[in-house]
Amino acid sequence: MSEVNEEIVAKVARLARIAFSESDAEATTQDVGRVLHLVDALQAANTEGVTPTSQVTGLQDVLREDAVVSSAVPPEKLLERAPRHEGGYIVVKRVLG
């Protein structure tokens, strides 16, 4: 893997919109270099004959059939508790521009 330098770290930080000082840039460059060195060591490990593993606990998801059930509380009662409602829906603040 190629060596990482402050220019590369600055470019990635700019793309991720992360701002840090010059001293932080130096420390981050060293940290990223150490991480990449560890990744190189992992890639060099001999994994021939090792079965790929996606999870090790043996647990499986417990799934159930989707079933429509009626609520114990009528929708009108739930809407009464909402700060604002209109046309049978709860009105909330806009979250997208």
C-alpha atoms as a PDB file:
ATOM      1  CA  MET A   1       0.000   0.000   0.000  1.00  0.00           C
ATOM      2  CA  SER A   2       1.255   3.472  -0.778  1.00  0.00           C
ATOM      3  CA  GLU A   3       2.481   5.767   1.924  1.00  0.00           C
ATOM      4  CA  VAL A   4       0.019   8.248   3.269  1.00  0.00           C
ATOM      5  CA  ASN A   5       1.014  11.887   3.556  1.00  0.00           C
ATOM      6  CA  GLU A   6      -0.487  15.080   4.945  1.00  0.00           C
ATOM      7  CA  GLU A   7      -1.749  16.089   1.504  1.00  0.00           C
ATOM      8  CA  ILE A   8      -3.834  12.911   1.218  1.00  0.00           C
ATOM      9  CA  VAL A   9      -5.128  13.269   4.780  1.00  0.00           C
ATOM     10  CA  ALA A  10      -6.053  16.910   4.107  1.00  0.00           C
ATOM     11  CA  LYS A  11      -7.906  15.926   0.917  1.00  0.00           C
ATOM     12  CA  VAL A  12      -9.885  13.174   2.707  1.00  0.00           C
ATOM     13  CA  ALA A  13     -10.631  15.547   5.586  1.00  0.00           C
ATOM     14  CA  ARG A  14     -11.883  18.174   3.133  1.00  0.00           C
ATOM     15  CA  LEU A  15     -14.111  15.600   1.385  1.00  0.00           C
ATOM     16  CA  ALA A  16     -15.468  14.465   4.768  1.00  0.00           C
ATOM     17  CA  ARG A  17     -15.829  18.091   5.860  1.00  0.00           C
ATOM     18  CA  ILE A  18     -13.588  17.562   8.872  1.00  0.00           C
ATOM     19  CA  ALA A  19     -11.515  20.501  10.023  1.00  0.00           C
ATOM     20  CA  PHE A  20      -8.441  20.139  12.198  1.00  0.00           C
ATOM     21  CA  SER A  21      -5.279  22.055  13.018  1.00  0.00           C
ATOM     22  CA  GLU A  22      -1.847  21.494  11.474  1.00  0.00           C
ATOM     23  CA  SER A  23      -0.650  19.570  14.531  1.00  0.00           C
ATOM     24  CA  ASP A  24      -3.751  17.390  14.331  1.00  0.00           C
ATOM     25  CA  ALA A  25      -3.010  16.809  10.647  1.00  0.00           C
ATOM     26  CA  GLU A  26       0.456  15.498  11.494  1.00  0.00           C
ATOM     27  CA  ALA A  27      -0.862  13.195  14.214  1.00  0.00           C
ATOM     28  CA  THR A  28      -3.706  11.985  11.987  1.00  0.00           C
ATOM     29  CA  THR A  29      -1.277  11.258   9.161  1.00  0.00           C
ATOM     30  CA  GLN A  30       0.813   9.123  11.503  1.00  0.00           C
ATOM     31  CA  ASP A  31      -2.275   7.335  12.853  1.00  0.00           C
ATOM     32  CA  VAL A  32      -3.610   6.576   9.377  1.00  0.00           C
ATOM     33  CA  GLY A  33      -0.158   5.311   8.364  1.00  0.00           C
ATOM     34  CA  ARG A  34      -0.119   2.910  11.336  1.00  0.00           C
ATOM     35  CA  VAL A  35      -3.613   1.651  10.509  1.00  0.00           C
ATOM     36  CA  LEU A  36      -2.657   1.065   6.871  1.00  0.00           C
ATOM     37  CA  HIS A  37       0.471  -0.779   8.016  1.00  0.00           C
ATOM     38  CA  LEU A  38      -1.743  -3.094  10.095  1.00  0.00           C
ATOM     39  CA  VAL A  39      -4.051  -3.621   7.101  1.00  0.00           C
ATOM     40  CA  ASP A  40      -1.019  -4.612   5.019  1.00  0.00           C
ATOM     41  CA  ALA A  41      -0.036  -7.125   7.706  1.00  0.00           C
ATOM     42  CA  LEU A  42      -3.549  -8.607   7.701  1.00  0.00           C
ATOM     43  CA  GLN A  43      -3.566  -8.861   3.914  1.00  0.00           C
ATOM     44  CA  ALA A  44      -0.239 -10.722   4.026  1.00  0.00           C
ATOM     45  CA  ALA A  45      -1.633 -13.373   6.411  1.00  0.00           C
ATOM     46  CA  ASN A  46      -2.005 -16.845   4.917  1.00  0.00           C
ATOM     47  CA  THR A  47      -5.726 -17.655   4.942  1.00  0.00           C
ATOM     48  CA  GLU A  48      -5.588 -20.601   2.573  1.00  0.00           C
ATOM     49  CA  GLY A  49      -7.928 -23.345   3.760  1.00  0.00           C
ATOM     50  CA  VAL A  50      -9.715 -21.044   6.212  1.00  0.00           C
ATOM     51  CA  THR A  51     -13.478 -21.089   5.780  1.00  0.00           C
ATOM     52  CA  PRO A  52     -14.941 -17.609   5.385  1.00  0.00           C
ATOM     53  CA  THR A  53     -16.970 -16.684   8.453  1.00  0.00           C
ATOM     54  CA  SER A  54     -19.642 -14.025   8.621  1.00  0.00           C
ATOM     55  CA  GLN A  55     -20.605 -14.653  12.248  1.00  0.00           C
ATOM     56  CA  VAL A  56     -19.314 -16.871  15.022  1.00  0.00           C
ATOM     57  CA  THR A  57     -22.069 -17.180  17.619  1.00  0.00           C
ATOM     58  CA  GLY A  58     -24.272 -19.637  15.742  1.00  0.00           C
ATOM     59  CA  LEU A  59     -27.324 -17.534  16.533  1.00  0.00           C
ATOM     60  CA  GLN A  60     -29.943 -17.048  13.866  1.00  0.00           C
ATOM     61  CA  ASP A  61     -32.551 -14.373  13.353  1.00  0.00           C
ATOM     62  CA  VAL A  62     -35.929 -15.263  14.766  1.00  0.00           C
ATOM     63  CA  LEU A  63     -38.501 -14.323  12.188  1.00  0.00           C
ATOM     64  CA  ARG A  64     -42.257 -14.288  12.425  1.00  0.00           C
ATOM     65  CA  GLU A  65     -44.991 -13.873   9.907  1.00  0.00           C
ATOM     66  CA  ASP A  66     -46.301 -10.345   9.464  1.00  0.00           C
ATOM     67  CA  ALA A  67     -49.835 -10.178  10.725  1.00  0.00           C
ATOM     68  CA  VAL A  68     -52.243  -7.259  10.730  1.00  0.00           C
ATOM     69  CA  VAL A  69     -53.708  -6.792  14.191  1.00  0.00           C
ATOM     70  CA  SER A  70     -55.956  -4.081  15.451  1.00  0.00           C
ATOM     71  CA  SER A  71     -54.659  -1.652  18.017  1.00  0.00           C
ATOM     72  CA  ALA A  72     -56.154  -1.544  21.479  1.00  0.00           C
ATOM     73  CA  VAL A  73     -56.346   2.253  21.165  1.00  0.00           C
ATOM     74  CA  PRO A  74     -58.537   3.842  18.490  1.00  0.00           C
ATOM     75  CA  PRO A  75     -56.652   6.132  16.075  1.00  0.00           C
ATOM     76  CA  GLU A  76     -58.774   9.116  17.131  1.00  0.00           C
ATOM     77  CA  LYS A  77     -57.544   8.775  20.731  1.00  0.00           C
ATOM     78  CA  LEU A  78     -53.913   8.679  19.547  1.00  0.00           C
ATOM     79  CA  LEU A  79     -54.416  11.785  17.404  1.00  0.00           C
ATOM     80  CA  GLU A  80     -55.866  13.639  20.394  1.00  0.00           C
ATOM     81  CA  ARG A  81     -52.504  13.229  22.138  1.00  0.00           C
ATOM     82  CA  ALA A  82     -50.491  14.618  19.218  1.00  0.00           C
ATOM     83  CA  PRO A  83     -49.470  18.294  19.453  1.00  0.00           C
ATOM     84  CA  ARG A  84     -50.801  18.858  15.888  1.00  0.00           C
ATOM     85  CA  HIS A  85     -52.818  16.685  13.576  1.00  0.00           C
ATOM     86  CA  GLU A  86     -54.609  17.191  10.311  1.00  0.00           C
ATOM     87  CA  GLY A  87     -56.691  14.894   8.126  1.00  0.00           C
ATOM     88  CA  GLY A  88     -56.014  11.864  10.294  1.00  0.00           C
ATOM     89  CA  TYR A  89     -52.227  12.373  10.290  1.00  0.00           C
ATOM     90  CA  ILE A  90     -49.799  13.756  12.877  1.00  0.00           C
ATOM     91  CA  VAL A  91     -48.180  16.989  11.654  1.00  0.00           C
ATOM     92  CA  VAL A  92     -44.451  17.290  12.336  1.00  0.00           C
ATOM     93  CA  LYS A  93     -41.763  19.847  11.479  1.00  0.00           C
ATOM     94  CA  ARG A  94     -40.228  19.564   8.036  1.00  0.00           C
ATOM     95  CA  VAL A  95     -36.861  17.781   8.206  1.00  0.00           C
ATOM     96  CA  LEU A  96     -35.735  18.133   4.591  1.00  0.00           C
ATOM     97  CA  GLY A  97     -35.020  21.448   2.911  1.00  0.00           C
END
